[in-house]
Each structure stands twice: as C-alpha cells, then as structure tokens.
Amino acid sequence: MPRAIEAIYKQGIIEPVEPLEGFEENSKIKVRIVTSPRKKNPILKFAGILNDKEAKRMISIIEEEFEKINPDEWKD
C-alpha cells in the first residue's frame, strides 16, 4: 500500500524523519521522490515593471521620505 513519508537528503542518503514500520530490515522498497516547490518571493512578480529611470526615482523617494534606522539599536 503506497504511503507518503517525510525524509531528509544528506550526503547522498535519503533518511526518513521518523522510523518506518512494516518493513523487514534490508528489504527492498520502491521510492518515489517529490520535492516541495520553493516559494517564490512575492516581490519578484514586480521585477522588470520599472525602467531604470523610474527605479532610481523610486529609490530616491524612499531614501528622502523614510526614516533611516540604526540596526545596532535593536541589539541587546
């Protein structure tokens, strides 16, 4: 009976996250590998919408209008 499990691929070995029950030691099994699709950053859908002049203008507005922060300010 087919079933899905989670596994980790590391150094050429596929290792189940949890122990597999119902198989004898050293028995042969067939494995179907399905990778999880990587999520695209939603901002990428806007790539290429602005030309260089528009992009520079937008960056200029952001730098002028928004407060700059000190990243060290957030450290304990």
N, C-alpha and C. Protein backbone atom coordinates (compact mmCIF):
# COMPACT_ATOMS: atom_id res chain seq x y z
N MET A 1 0.84 -1.16 0.00
CA MET A 1 0.00 0.00 0.00
C MET A 1 0.90 1.25 0.00
N PRO A 2 0.70 2.17 -0.96
CA PRO A 2 1.52 3.38 -1.02
C PRO A 2 1.29 4.28 0.19
N ARG A 3 2.34 4.96 0.60
CA ARG A 3 2.21 5.94 1.67
C ARG A 3 3.28 7.01 1.49
N ALA A 4 3.04 8.16 2.01
CA ALA A 4 3.99 9.26 1.92
C ALA A 4 4.68 9.45 3.27
N ILE A 5 5.96 9.70 3.22
CA ILE A 5 6.72 9.98 4.43
C ILE A 5 7.59 11.21 4.18
N GLU A 6 8.04 11.84 5.23
CA GLU A 6 9.00 12.92 5.10
C GLU A 6 10.38 12.34 5.32
N ALA A 7 11.33 12.84 4.53
CA ALA A 7 12.70 12.36 4.65
C ALA A 7 13.64 13.53 4.39
N ILE A 8 14.88 13.35 4.81
CA ILE A 8 15.92 14.35 4.59
C ILE A 8 17.00 13.72 3.73
N TYR A 9 17.43 14.46 2.71
CA TYR A 9 18.52 14.00 1.85
C TYR A 9 19.79 14.69 2.32
N LYS A 10 20.78 13.89 2.72
CA LYS A 10 22.03 14.44 3.23
C LYS A 10 23.17 13.53 2.86
N GLN A 11 24.17 14.08 2.21
CA GLN A 11 25.38 13.35 1.82
C GLN A 11 25.05 12.08 1.03
N GLY A 12 24.10 12.20 0.11
CA GLY A 12 23.78 11.10 -0.78
C GLY A 12 22.85 10.04 -0.20
N ILE A 13 22.33 10.28 0.99
CA ILE A 13 21.46 9.29 1.64
C ILE A 13 20.11 9.92 1.95
N ILE A 14 19.04 9.20 1.64
CA ILE A 14 17.69 9.64 1.99
C ILE A 14 17.34 8.98 3.31
N GLU A 15 17.10 9.80 4.33
CA GLU A 15 16.82 9.26 5.66
C GLU A 15 15.44 9.72 6.12
N PRO A 16 14.56 8.76 6.45
CA PRO A 16 13.23 9.13 6.94
C PRO A 16 13.32 9.96 8.21
N VAL A 17 12.42 10.91 8.36
CA VAL A 17 12.39 11.74 9.56
C VAL A 17 11.96 10.89 10.77
N GLU A 18 11.02 9.97 10.55
CA GLU A 18 10.55 9.08 11.60
C GLU A 18 10.81 7.64 11.17
N PRO A 19 10.96 6.72 12.12
CA PRO A 19 11.19 5.31 11.77
C PRO A 19 10.05 4.75 10.91
N LEU A 20 10.39 3.87 9.96
CA LEU A 20 9.39 3.23 9.12
C LEU A 20 8.98 1.91 9.75
N GLU A 21 7.70 1.71 9.87
CA GLU A 21 7.21 0.44 10.42
C GLU A 21 6.59 -0.38 9.31
N GLY A 22 6.64 -1.69 9.45
CA GLY A 22 6.01 -2.58 8.48
C GLY A 22 6.97 -3.11 7.43
N PHE A 23 8.26 -2.86 7.58
CA PHE A 23 9.27 -3.37 6.64
C PHE A 23 10.29 -4.19 7.40
N GLU A 24 10.70 -5.29 6.77
CA GLU A 24 11.77 -6.08 7.36
C GLU A 24 13.09 -5.38 7.08
N GLU A 25 14.04 -5.54 7.98
CA GLU A 25 15.37 -4.95 7.81
C GLU A 25 15.98 -5.40 6.49
N ASN A 26 16.59 -4.51 5.76
CA ASN A 26 17.26 -4.74 4.47
C ASN A 26 16.31 -5.14 3.35
N SER A 27 15.00 -4.93 3.51
CA SER A 27 14.08 -5.25 2.42
C SER A 27 14.16 -4.14 1.36
N LYS A 28 13.92 -4.55 0.10
CA LYS A 28 13.93 -3.59 -1.00
C LYS A 28 12.57 -2.93 -1.09
N ILE A 29 12.59 -1.62 -1.28
CA ILE A 29 11.35 -0.88 -1.47
C ILE A 29 11.53 0.06 -2.66
N LYS A 30 10.43 0.47 -3.26
CA LYS A 30 10.48 1.47 -4.32
C LYS A 30 10.18 2.82 -3.71
N VAL A 31 10.90 3.84 -4.16
CA VAL A 31 10.73 5.17 -3.62
C VAL A 31 10.38 6.13 -4.75
N ARG A 32 9.37 6.92 -4.54
CA ARG A 32 9.00 7.97 -5.48
C ARG A 32 9.34 9.29 -4.81
N ILE A 33 10.16 10.09 -5.45
CA ILE A 33 10.62 11.33 -4.85
C ILE A 33 9.85 12.51 -5.44
N VAL A 34 9.26 13.29 -4.55
CA VAL A 34 8.55 14.50 -4.94
C VAL A 34 9.11 15.62 -4.08
N THR A 35 9.71 16.60 -4.71
CA THR A 35 10.27 17.70 -3.94
C THR A 35 9.22 18.77 -3.71
N SER A 36 9.38 19.47 -2.61
CA SER A 36 8.48 20.58 -2.30
C SER A 36 8.89 21.77 -3.17
N PRO A 37 7.94 22.40 -3.83
CA PRO A 37 8.30 23.56 -4.65
C PRO A 37 8.79 24.70 -3.76
N ARG A 38 9.83 25.37 -4.23
CA ARG A 38 10.32 26.52 -3.47
C ARG A 38 9.38 27.68 -3.69
N LYS A 39 9.10 28.35 -2.62
CA LYS A 39 8.22 29.51 -2.71
C LYS A 39 8.99 30.68 -3.30
N LYS A 40 8.38 31.32 -4.27
CA LYS A 40 8.99 32.50 -4.85
C LYS A 40 8.66 33.70 -3.99
N ASN A 41 9.59 34.60 -3.91
CA ASN A 41 9.36 35.83 -3.19
C ASN A 41 8.29 36.62 -3.94
N PRO A 42 7.23 37.04 -3.27
CA PRO A 42 6.14 37.73 -3.97
C PRO A 42 6.58 39.01 -4.67
N ILE A 43 7.65 39.60 -4.22
CA ILE A 43 8.12 40.84 -4.85
C ILE A 43 8.63 40.59 -6.27
N LEU A 44 9.00 39.34 -6.56
CA LEU A 44 9.54 39.02 -7.89
C LEU A 44 8.53 39.24 -9.02
N LYS A 45 7.23 39.21 -8.69
CA LYS A 45 6.25 39.42 -9.75
C LYS A 45 6.30 40.86 -10.27
N PHE A 46 6.96 41.74 -9.53
CA PHE A 46 7.09 43.12 -9.96
C PHE A 46 8.41 43.41 -10.68
N ALA A 47 9.28 42.41 -10.76
CA ALA A 47 10.57 42.62 -11.41
C ALA A 47 10.39 43.01 -12.87
N GLY A 48 11.10 44.04 -13.28
CA GLY A 48 11.05 44.47 -14.67
C GLY A 48 9.93 45.42 -15.00
N ILE A 49 9.09 45.77 -14.04
CA ILE A 49 7.98 46.68 -14.32
C ILE A 49 8.49 48.11 -14.50
N LEU A 50 9.47 48.50 -13.68
CA LEU A 50 10.01 49.85 -13.75
C LEU A 50 11.23 49.89 -14.66
N ASN A 51 11.36 50.97 -15.43
CA ASN A 51 12.61 51.14 -16.17
C ASN A 51 13.65 51.72 -15.21
N ASP A 52 14.89 51.86 -15.64
CA ASP A 52 15.97 52.32 -14.76
C ASP A 52 15.68 53.69 -14.16
N LYS A 53 15.17 54.60 -14.99
CA LYS A 53 14.90 55.96 -14.52
C LYS A 53 13.82 55.94 -13.42
N GLU A 54 12.76 55.18 -13.64
CA GLU A 54 11.69 55.08 -12.65
C GLU A 54 12.18 54.43 -11.36
N ALA A 55 13.01 53.41 -11.49
CA ALA A 55 13.54 52.71 -10.32
C ALA A 55 14.42 53.64 -9.49
N LYS A 56 15.28 54.41 -10.16
CA LYS A 56 16.14 55.36 -9.44
C LYS A 56 15.30 56.41 -8.73
N ARG A 57 14.24 56.88 -9.38
CA ARG A 57 13.35 57.87 -8.77
C ARG A 57 12.66 57.29 -7.54
N MET A 58 12.21 56.04 -7.64
CA MET A 58 11.56 55.40 -6.51
C MET A 58 12.52 55.25 -5.34
N ILE A 59 13.74 54.83 -5.60
CA ILE A 59 14.74 54.70 -4.55
C ILE A 59 15.02 56.05 -3.90
N SER A 60 15.10 57.08 -4.72
CA SER A 60 15.33 58.43 -4.21
C SER A 60 14.21 58.86 -3.28
N ILE A 61 12.98 58.62 -3.67
CA ILE A 61 11.82 58.98 -2.84
C ILE A 61 11.85 58.22 -1.52
N ILE A 62 12.15 56.94 -1.58
CA ILE A 62 12.21 56.13 -0.36
C ILE A 62 13.28 56.67 0.57
N GLU A 63 14.46 56.98 0.03
CA GLU A 63 15.54 57.48 0.87
C GLU A 63 15.20 58.84 1.48
N GLU A 64 14.48 59.68 0.75
CA GLU A 64 14.11 61.01 1.24
C GLU A 64 12.99 60.95 2.27
N GLU A 65 12.02 60.09 2.06
CA GLU A 65 10.80 60.11 2.85
C GLU A 65 10.81 59.23 4.10
N PHE A 66 11.60 58.18 4.08
CA PHE A 66 11.54 57.23 5.19
C PHE A 66 12.73 57.38 6.12
N GLU A 67 12.44 57.20 7.39
CA GLU A 67 13.48 57.34 8.41
C GLU A 67 14.50 56.22 8.30
N LYS A 68 15.75 56.57 8.42
CA LYS A 68 16.81 55.56 8.43
C LYS A 68 16.96 55.06 9.87
N ILE A 69 17.21 53.80 10.01
CA ILE A 69 17.37 53.23 11.34
C ILE A 69 18.80 52.78 11.55
N ASN A 70 19.17 52.68 12.79
CA ASN A 70 20.47 52.13 13.16
C ASN A 70 20.24 50.67 13.53
N PRO A 71 20.75 49.72 12.74
CA PRO A 71 20.49 48.30 13.04
C PRO A 71 21.02 47.87 14.41
N ASP A 72 22.04 48.56 14.90
CA ASP A 72 22.58 48.21 16.23
C ASP A 72 21.64 48.62 17.35
N GLU A 73 20.71 49.50 17.03
CA GLU A 73 19.75 49.97 18.01
C GLU A 73 18.87 48.83 18.53
N TRP A 74 18.70 47.79 17.75
CA TRP A 74 17.81 46.68 18.08
C TRP A 74 18.51 45.60 18.89
N LYS A 75 19.82 45.69 18.97
CA LYS A 75 20.57 44.66 19.72
C LYS A 75 20.48 44.92 21.21
N ASP A 76 20.56 43.83 21.97
CA ASP A 76 20.56 43.97 23.44
C ASP A 76 21.93 44.34 23.94
